[in-house]
């Protein structure tokens, strides 16, 4: 079959009124796992200033995932929650209210109860929303960080999503003050299972947005930091991010969570799993200005990951948060080194604190089409299947032809 076939595939319009033209910079969001910013006027003002800052990476006009379920149990702190929601909405922030269980054992009781707590609050919310509005209705996203552990299966996770969707559908049908959409974080292992067992349609039947927790976004690691992963050079931006985008249907959105915390227990103990929170990035041993180094590294990595996506793939990502930074305390360390309320000291420690280890390089291997860390026959098969489409134009000259094949052959073997 001839390989000099010009790319003629048409790109369709995406939701949220976005065209198929490439988006020069990705929209950024952040997580906030602490409850301080919703509790008093001073903290709210500080948070508004933080999210509206133009300092890069800026989340102005972006997406904030706010932990809240434990703060409003039994109707407590509704007035504080109203003030926070109003402040974020007035600031142009698109808001998710979160319930999290990072050690989920498969029981849906706590999940359903805590989602009901959030929905009950939305039914009593007294904020006047102008930013968080969908189709003319005040609407706030409900976010789940429910991570299966132990022997908990992906099918149980899907069943949990289905029950939560039923709760949201009932809530929305009751003409509440504020309607709800549903987003959910997806661990890499769950996404691998969704892919391997063709469970995507079941997941998407329930979620409006899926956010992959692709915490290994910076291949390839140096030899001392290969850890226990069988594919230490796999690129989280592309292997899981692109896989998620590929399986995101029309009308839905995806996003990638980026881990910034260098001290997290599970993240910090597994060097191969880190995105940015290692001494090598956070406090670079060879840099005379570590603060500037980590800020520039984060910005460059985000932009490079975004630029590796085609314009059609970019349209699949959430228009207010293609990348969700975890969390606001550590974002300050990678932006201006100024902590806001609720944050800890900007410092790195833990198993990945050895300055001789864990200094990953940004990805540059575009012929690695399946992003598994090696250029081989599997990538050749992908290129063959891509003929007559706009996908996998390896040298980005607007056509799939012999030049792309040569580019791949020149890169054959393990990624460098």
Protein backbone atom coordinates (compact mmCIF):
# COMPACT_ATOMS: atom_id res chain seq x y z
CA UNK A 1 0.00 0.00 0.00
CA UNK A 2 1.32 3.46 -0.91
CA UNK A 3 2.34 5.57 2.07
CA UNK A 4 2.35 9.02 0.40
CA UNK A 5 -1.27 9.67 1.16
CA UNK A 6 -2.01 13.23 2.23
CA UNK A 7 -3.93 13.79 5.39
CA UNK A 8 -7.45 14.79 4.50
CA UNK A 9 -9.37 13.77 7.57
CA UNK A 10 -11.90 16.37 8.67
CA UNK A 11 -11.92 17.54 12.25
CA UNK A 12 -15.26 17.97 13.90
CA UNK A 13 -16.50 20.65 16.25
CA UNK A 14 -16.03 19.84 19.93
CA UNK A 15 -18.35 20.61 22.79
CA UNK A 16 -18.10 23.83 24.81
CA UNK A 17 -18.00 25.73 21.50
CA UNK A 18 -14.38 24.84 20.78
CA UNK A 19 -13.29 24.51 17.18
CA UNK A 20 -10.86 21.87 15.97
CA UNK A 21 -7.98 24.29 15.62
CA UNK A 22 -5.01 23.59 17.85
CA UNK A 23 -5.11 25.24 21.26
CA UNK A 24 -1.75 26.94 21.83
CA UNK A 25 -1.67 26.47 25.59
CA UNK A 26 -3.47 23.88 27.71
CA UNK A 27 -6.10 24.99 30.23
CA UNK A 28 -4.92 24.33 33.78
CA UNK A 29 -6.80 23.31 36.90
CA UNK A 30 -5.78 22.29 40.40
CA UNK A 31 -6.85 20.13 43.31
CA UNK A 32 -7.31 21.35 46.85
CA UNK A 33 -7.42 18.50 49.35
CA UNK A 34 -7.61 20.73 52.45
CA UNK A 35 -10.66 22.58 53.73
CA UNK A 36 -9.05 25.80 54.93
CA UNK A 37 -9.98 28.03 51.98
CA UNK A 38 -13.72 27.65 52.48
CA UNK A 39 -13.71 28.56 56.15
CA UNK A 40 -13.10 32.32 56.47
CA UNK A 41 -13.03 35.55 54.47
CA UNK A 42 -9.27 36.00 54.64
CA UNK A 43 -8.53 32.53 53.27
CA UNK A 44 -11.11 32.94 50.53
CA UNK A 45 -9.58 36.22 49.45
CA UNK A 46 -6.14 34.60 49.39
CA UNK A 47 -7.44 31.73 47.28
CA UNK A 48 -9.15 34.10 44.82
CA UNK A 49 -5.88 36.01 44.43
CA UNK A 50 -4.03 32.73 43.92
CA UNK A 51 -6.34 31.39 41.22
CA UNK A 52 -6.48 34.72 39.38
CA UNK A 53 -2.70 35.17 39.31
CA UNK A 54 -1.12 35.39 35.87
CA UNK A 55 2.02 33.69 37.14
CA UNK A 56 2.71 30.56 35.12
CA UNK A 57 1.33 27.98 35.26
CA UNK A 58 -1.79 30.09 35.70
CA UNK A 59 -5.15 28.57 36.53
CA UNK A 60 -7.06 31.81 35.89
CA UNK A 61 -10.41 30.89 34.36
CA UNK A 62 -9.59 27.25 35.03
CA UNK A 63 -10.91 24.43 37.17
CA UNK A 64 -10.64 23.89 40.94
CA UNK A 65 -11.39 20.54 42.56
CA UNK A 66 -12.25 21.30 46.19
CA UNK A 67 -12.52 18.67 48.90
CA UNK A 68 -15.76 19.35 50.75
CA UNK A 69 -17.76 16.26 51.74
CA UNK A 70 -16.19 15.97 55.18
CA UNK A 71 -16.73 19.69 55.86
CA UNK A 72 -20.49 19.85 55.30
CA UNK A 73 -21.67 16.65 57.01
CA UNK A 74 -25.09 17.11 58.59
CA UNK A 75 -25.50 20.60 57.15
CA UNK A 76 -22.45 22.01 58.92
CA UNK A 77 -20.60 24.95 57.38
CA UNK A 78 -23.17 25.60 54.64
CA UNK A 79 -22.67 29.35 55.01
CA UNK A 80 -18.89 28.96 54.61
CA UNK A 81 -19.42 26.67 51.63
CA UNK A 82 -21.78 29.22 50.03
CA UNK A 83 -19.20 31.97 50.48
CA UNK A 84 -16.45 29.84 48.94
CA UNK A 85 -18.58 28.74 46.00
CA UNK A 86 -19.67 32.33 45.40
CA UNK A 87 -16.09 33.60 45.56
CA UNK A 88 -14.84 30.99 43.10
CA UNK A 89 -17.73 31.57 40.72
CA UNK A 90 -17.23 35.34 40.83
CA UNK A 91 -13.54 34.73 40.08
CA UNK A 92 -14.44 32.83 36.91
CA UNK A 93 -13.43 29.45 38.31
CA UNK A 94 -15.15 26.24 37.24
CA UNK A 95 -15.71 24.26 40.40
CA UNK A 96 -15.84 20.62 41.44
CA UNK A 97 -16.84 19.55 44.95
CA UNK A 98 -14.98 16.41 45.91
CA UNK A 99 -15.36 13.26 47.95
CA UNK A 100 -12.22 11.16 48.21
CA UNK A 101 -11.34 7.65 49.35
CA UNK A 102 -7.82 6.76 48.26
CA UNK A 103 -7.96 3.32 49.89
CA UNK A 104 -11.34 2.11 48.66
CA UNK A 105 -12.31 -1.46 49.56
CA UNK A 106 -15.25 -1.82 47.19
CA UNK A 107 -18.05 -0.82 49.56
CA UNK A 108 -20.38 1.77 48.05
CA UNK A 109 -22.04 2.77 51.31
CA UNK A 110 -19.63 5.56 52.24
CA UNK A 111 -19.37 6.76 48.65
CA UNK A 112 -23.14 7.04 48.26
CA UNK A 113 -23.55 8.72 51.64
CA UNK A 114 -20.89 11.32 50.94
CA UNK A 115 -22.13 12.04 47.43
CA UNK A 116 -25.60 12.49 48.93
CA UNK A 117 -24.07 14.98 51.39
CA UNK A 118 -22.75 17.03 48.47
CA UNK A 119 -26.02 16.80 46.51
CA UNK A 120 -28.01 17.86 49.57
CA UNK A 121 -25.79 20.90 49.85
CA UNK A 122 -26.33 21.74 46.15
CA UNK A 123 -30.06 21.55 46.74
CA UNK A 124 -29.64 24.16 49.48
CA UNK A 125 -26.86 26.23 47.95
CA UNK A 126 -27.51 29.97 48.18
CA UNK A 127 -24.73 31.10 45.83
CA UNK A 128 -25.77 32.99 42.70
CA UNK A 129 -23.84 31.32 39.89
CA UNK A 130 -22.82 32.90 36.60
CA UNK A 131 -19.64 30.97 35.75
CA UNK A 132 -20.81 27.52 36.80
CA UNK A 133 -23.79 27.38 34.45
CA UNK A 134 -24.59 24.74 31.82
CA UNK A 135 -27.45 25.18 29.35
CA UNK A 136 -28.82 28.02 31.45
CA UNK A 137 -28.90 26.00 34.69
CA UNK A 138 -26.60 26.60 37.69
CA UNK A 139 -24.43 23.47 37.69
CA UNK A 140 -21.48 22.35 39.81
CA UNK A 141 -19.43 19.24 39.21
CA UNK A 142 -19.27 16.43 41.77
CA UNK A 143 -15.81 14.88 41.77
CA UNK A 144 -14.77 11.43 42.99
CA UNK A 145 -11.29 10.37 43.94
CA UNK A 146 -12.24 6.80 44.77
CA UNK A 147 -9.23 4.56 44.22
CA UNK A 148 -9.64 0.76 44.32
CA UNK A 149 -7.08 -0.97 46.51
CA UNK A 150 -6.32 -4.54 47.48
CA UNK A 151 -8.55 -6.96 45.63
CA UNK A 152 -11.14 -4.36 44.63
CA UNK A 153 -11.92 -4.75 40.93
CA UNK A 154 -12.47 -2.31 38.11
CA UNK A 155 -15.95 -3.76 37.67
CA UNK A 156 -16.74 -2.78 41.27
CA UNK A 157 -15.43 0.70 40.51
CA UNK A 158 -17.73 0.91 37.47
CA UNK A 159 -20.67 -0.28 39.58
CA UNK A 160 -19.87 2.44 42.11
CA UNK A 161 -19.89 5.05 39.32
CA UNK A 162 -23.24 3.72 38.13
CA UNK A 163 -24.78 4.13 41.58
CA UNK A 164 -23.42 7.67 41.89
CA UNK A 165 -24.78 8.53 38.42
CA UNK A 166 -28.20 7.33 39.54
CA UNK A 167 -27.98 9.63 42.56
CA UNK A 168 -27.07 12.58 40.32
CA UNK A 169 -29.83 11.81 37.84
CA UNK A 170 -32.41 11.71 40.62
CA UNK A 171 -31.05 14.95 42.04
CA UNK A 172 -31.08 16.73 38.66
CA UNK A 173 -34.61 15.54 37.91
CA UNK A 174 -35.89 17.14 41.12
CA UNK A 175 -35.37 20.76 39.99
CA UNK A 176 -32.61 21.48 42.54
CA UNK A 177 -31.13 24.92 43.12
CA UNK A 178 -27.87 23.67 41.58
CA UNK A 179 -27.59 20.70 39.23
CA UNK A 180 -24.62 18.33 39.17
CA UNK A 181 -22.27 16.75 36.66
CA UNK A 182 -19.85 13.93 37.50
CA UNK A 183 -16.08 13.69 37.15
CA UNK A 184 -13.86 10.91 38.47
CA UNK A 185 -10.16 10.27 38.89
CA UNK A 186 -8.96 7.04 37.27
CA UNK A 187 -5.80 5.30 38.54
CA UNK A 188 -3.51 4.01 35.79
CA UNK A 189 -4.24 0.41 36.77
CA UNK A 190 -7.99 0.97 36.38
CA UNK A 191 -7.52 2.62 33.01
CA UNK A 192 -5.33 -0.29 31.86
CA UNK A 193 -8.18 -2.61 32.82
CA UNK A 194 -10.75 -0.46 31.02
CA UNK A 195 -8.62 -0.73 27.89
CA UNK A 196 -7.72 -4.41 28.13
CA UNK A 197 -11.27 -5.58 28.84
CA UNK A 198 -13.09 -3.06 26.63
CA UNK A 199 -14.95 -1.50 29.54
CA UNK A 200 -14.77 2.08 28.32
CA UNK A 201 -18.43 2.31 27.33
CA UNK A 202 -19.50 1.25 30.84
CA UNK A 203 -17.32 3.91 32.44
CA UNK A 204 -18.43 6.65 30.07
CA UNK A 205 -22.09 5.73 30.52
CA UNK A 206 -21.75 7.17 34.02
CA UNK A 207 -19.05 9.88 34.01
CA UNK A 208 -19.01 13.24 32.25
CA UNK A 209 -15.25 13.65 32.74
CA UNK A 210 -12.51 11.14 33.51
CA UNK A 211 -9.16 12.29 34.88
CA UNK A 212 -6.33 9.80 34.60
CA UNK A 213 -3.91 9.80 37.51
CA UNK A 214 -0.95 9.37 35.16
CA UNK A 215 1.71 10.20 37.72
CA UNK A 216 4.57 8.93 35.54
CA UNK A 217 4.73 11.73 32.99
CA UNK A 218 8.43 12.30 32.44
CA UNK A 219 10.29 9.54 30.60
CA UNK A 220 12.87 8.31 30.61
CA UNK A 221 14.24 7.92 34.12
CA UNK A 222 17.93 7.53 34.74
CA UNK A 223 19.13 3.98 35.27
CA UNK A 224 19.21 4.13 39.11
CA UNK A 225 15.54 5.05 39.12
CA UNK A 226 13.91 2.37 37.01
CA UNK A 227 12.16 1.10 40.11
CA UNK A 228 9.97 -1.96 39.77
CA UNK A 229 7.99 -0.91 36.72
CA UNK A 230 8.23 -3.20 33.69
CA UNK A 231 8.10 -0.17 31.37
CA UNK A 232 9.98 2.60 33.19
CA UNK A 233 10.13 4.78 30.12
CA UNK A 234 6.42 4.76 29.34
CA UNK A 235 5.14 8.32 29.00
CA UNK A 236 2.15 9.15 31.18
CA UNK A 237 1.25 12.21 29.12
CA UNK A 238 0.85 10.07 26.05
CA UNK A 239 0.49 6.41 27.03
CA UNK A 240 -2.39 7.03 29.41
CA UNK A 241 -3.38 10.56 28.42
CA UNK A 242 -3.62 9.74 24.73
CA UNK A 243 -5.29 6.42 25.45
CA UNK A 244 -7.91 8.22 27.52
CA UNK A 245 -8.44 10.90 24.87
CA UNK A 246 -8.77 8.22 22.18
CA UNK A 247 -11.57 6.58 24.18
CA UNK A 248 -13.39 9.79 25.14
CA UNK A 249 -16.71 9.98 23.26
CA UNK A 250 -18.35 13.09 21.92
CA UNK A 251 -19.90 15.23 24.62
CA UNK A 252 -17.50 13.94 27.30
CA UNK A 253 -14.09 15.22 28.42
CA UNK A 254 -10.83 13.91 29.81
CA UNK A 255 -7.92 15.35 31.78
CA UNK A 256 -4.55 14.34 33.23
CA UNK A 257 -3.63 14.77 36.90
CA UNK A 258 -0.04 15.83 37.54
CA UNK A 259 1.55 15.07 40.92
CA UNK A 260 3.67 17.88 42.35
CA UNK A 261 4.05 16.75 45.95
CA UNK A 262 7.56 15.35 46.64
CA UNK A 263 6.60 13.98 50.05
CA UNK A 264 3.48 11.88 49.43
CA UNK A 265 3.63 8.41 50.98
CA UNK A 266 2.81 6.22 48.00
CA UNK A 267 4.06 8.63 45.34
CA UNK A 268 7.23 9.60 47.18
CA UNK A 269 8.14 6.00 47.97
CA UNK A 270 8.14 4.91 44.33
CA UNK A 271 10.62 6.90 42.28
CA UNK A 272 9.41 5.45 39.00
CA UNK A 273 5.92 6.77 39.71
CA UNK A 274 6.82 10.44 40.20
CA UNK A 275 5.76 13.22 37.86
CA UNK A 276 7.57 16.23 39.29
CA UNK A 277 8.06 15.70 43.00
CA UNK A 278 11.67 14.52 43.12
CA UNK A 279 14.74 16.29 44.39
CA UNK A 280 16.16 16.15 40.89
CA UNK A 281 13.36 18.38 39.64
CA UNK A 282 12.28 20.20 42.76
CA UNK A 283 15.75 21.15 43.97
CA UNK A 284 18.00 20.36 41.04
CA UNK A 285 21.50 19.49 42.26
CA UNK A 286 23.15 21.12 39.23
CA UNK A 287 21.12 24.34 39.17
CA UNK A 288 22.20 27.60 40.78
CA UNK A 289 18.53 28.66 40.87
CA UNK A 290 16.39 25.62 41.81
CA UNK A 291 13.23 27.71 42.13
CA UNK A 292 13.46 28.92 38.53
CA UNK A 293 14.52 25.46 37.39
CA UNK A 294 11.47 23.68 38.78
CA UNK A 295 9.12 26.42 37.57
CA UNK A 296 10.53 26.29 34.04
CA UNK A 297 10.64 22.49 34.08
CA UNK A 298 6.96 22.22 34.99
CA UNK A 299 5.88 24.77 32.39
CA UNK A 300 8.02 23.17 29.70
CA UNK A 301 6.79 19.68 30.52
CA UNK A 302 3.14 20.74 30.46
CA UNK A 303 3.55 22.54 27.15
CA UNK A 304 5.53 19.70 25.58
CA UNK A 305 2.97 17.14 26.67
CA UNK A 306 0.21 19.31 25.21
CA UNK A 307 2.05 19.88 21.94
CA UNK A 308 2.47 16.14 21.40
CA UNK A 309 -1.33 15.89 21.08
CA UNK A 310 -2.99 16.55 17.75
CA UNK A 311 -5.58 19.31 17.54
CA UNK A 312 -8.34 16.69 17.39
CA UNK A 313 -7.00 15.02 20.52
CA UNK A 314 -6.72 18.35 22.31
CA UNK A 315 -10.44 18.87 21.77
CA UNK A 316 -11.15 15.82 23.93
CA UNK A 317 -9.58 17.43 27.00
CA UNK A 318 -11.59 19.47 29.43
CA UNK A 319 -11.75 23.10 28.23
CA UNK A 320 -11.09 24.42 31.75
CA UNK A 321 -8.52 21.90 32.93
CA UNK A 322 -6.64 19.62 30.56
CA UNK A 323 -4.07 19.19 33.33
CA UNK A 324 -5.11 19.13 36.99
CA UNK A 325 -2.23 19.99 39.32
CA UNK A 326 -2.08 18.20 42.66
CA UNK A 327 -2.34 20.29 44.73
CA UNK A 328 -2.52 24.03 45.28
CA UNK A 329 -0.03 23.94 48.17
CA UNK A 330 2.63 22.43 45.91
CA UNK A 331 1.62 24.48 42.88
CA UNK A 332 2.78 27.54 44.79
CA UNK A 333 6.19 25.89 45.19
CA UNK A 334 6.44 25.41 41.43
CA UNK A 335 5.18 28.90 40.60
CA UNK A 336 6.47 31.56 43.00
CA UNK A 337 7.57 29.66 46.14
CA UNK A 338 5.07 31.66 48.20
CA UNK A 339 2.82 29.49 50.35
CA UNK A 340 -0.81 30.41 50.82
CA UNK A 341 -3.06 29.41 53.69
CA UNK A 342 -3.13 25.69 54.37
CA UNK A 343 0.18 24.93 52.68
CA UNK A 344 3.30 23.50 54.22
CA UNK A 345 6.94 24.36 53.73
CA UNK A 346 8.28 24.05 50.19
CA UNK A 347 10.82 21.27 50.60
CA UNK A 348 11.54 17.83 49.20
CA UNK A 349 12.21 14.64 51.09
CA UNK A 350 11.51 10.93 51.08
CA UNK A 351 12.78 7.93 49.16
CA UNK A 352 13.28 9.99 46.00
CA UNK A 353 15.33 12.62 47.79
CA UNK A 354 18.70 11.25 46.73
CA UNK A 355 20.09 13.95 44.46
CA UNK A 356 21.93 11.41 42.34
CA UNK A 357 18.71 9.71 41.28
CA UNK A 358 15.37 10.33 39.64
CA UNK A 359 16.15 13.18 37.25
CA UNK A 360 13.90 12.29 34.30
CA UNK A 361 14.21 13.79 30.86
CA UNK A 362 11.41 15.26 28.82
CA UNK A 363 10.07 12.97 26.10
CA UNK A 364 11.26 13.49 22.53
CA UNK A 365 10.43 10.17 20.87
CA UNK A 366 7.54 10.96 18.56
CA UNK A 367 7.96 7.71 16.53
CA UNK A 368 7.11 5.81 19.73
CA UNK A 369 3.48 5.84 18.66
CA UNK A 370 2.11 3.71 21.47
CA UNK A 371 4.33 5.50 24.01
CA UNK A 372 5.56 2.34 25.71
CA UNK A 373 9.19 3.42 25.78
CA UNK A 374 10.46 1.50 22.74
CA UNK A 375 10.14 1.96 18.96
CA UNK A 376 9.35 -1.41 17.43
CA UNK A 377 6.98 -3.35 15.19
CA UNK A 378 3.97 -2.37 17.29
CA UNK A 379 4.56 1.27 16.33
CA UNK A 380 4.93 0.27 12.68
CA UNK A 381 1.53 -1.42 12.82
CA UNK A 382 0.00 1.74 14.27
CA UNK A 383 1.48 3.85 11.47
CA UNK A 384 0.16 1.42 8.86
CA UNK A 385 -3.34 1.66 10.36
CA UNK A 386 -3.08 5.46 10.41
CA UNK A 387 -2.73 5.83 6.64
CA UNK A 388 -5.47 8.12 5.27
CA UNK A 389 -5.97 9.70 8.68
CA UNK A 390 -4.41 12.69 10.42
CA UNK A 391 -2.98 10.55 13.22
CA UNK A 392 0.71 9.81 13.77
CA UNK A 393 2.26 12.24 11.33
CA UNK A 394 5.60 11.56 13.00
CA UNK A 395 7.56 14.43 11.44
CA UNK A 396 4.49 16.76 11.45
CA UNK A 397 4.76 17.81 7.79
CA UNK A 398 1.06 17.31 7.03
CA UNK A 399 1.20 13.90 5.40
CA UNK A 400 1.76 10.24 6.25
CA UNK A 401 4.51 9.08 3.87
CA UNK A 402 7.94 7.49 3.57
CA UNK A 403 9.48 10.30 5.62
CA UNK A 404 7.47 9.19 8.65
CA UNK A 405 8.61 5.60 8.10
CA UNK A 406 12.25 6.70 7.90
CA UNK A 407 11.80 8.79 11.05
CA UNK A 408 10.57 5.70 12.83
CA UNK A 409 13.34 3.44 11.54
CA UNK A 410 16.01 5.94 12.60
CA UNK A 411 14.59 5.83 16.12
CA UNK A 412 14.24 2.04 16.28
CA UNK A 413 14.99 0.52 19.68
CA UNK A 414 14.74 1.65 23.31
CA UNK A 415 14.01 5.32 23.87
CA UNK A 416 17.04 7.42 24.78
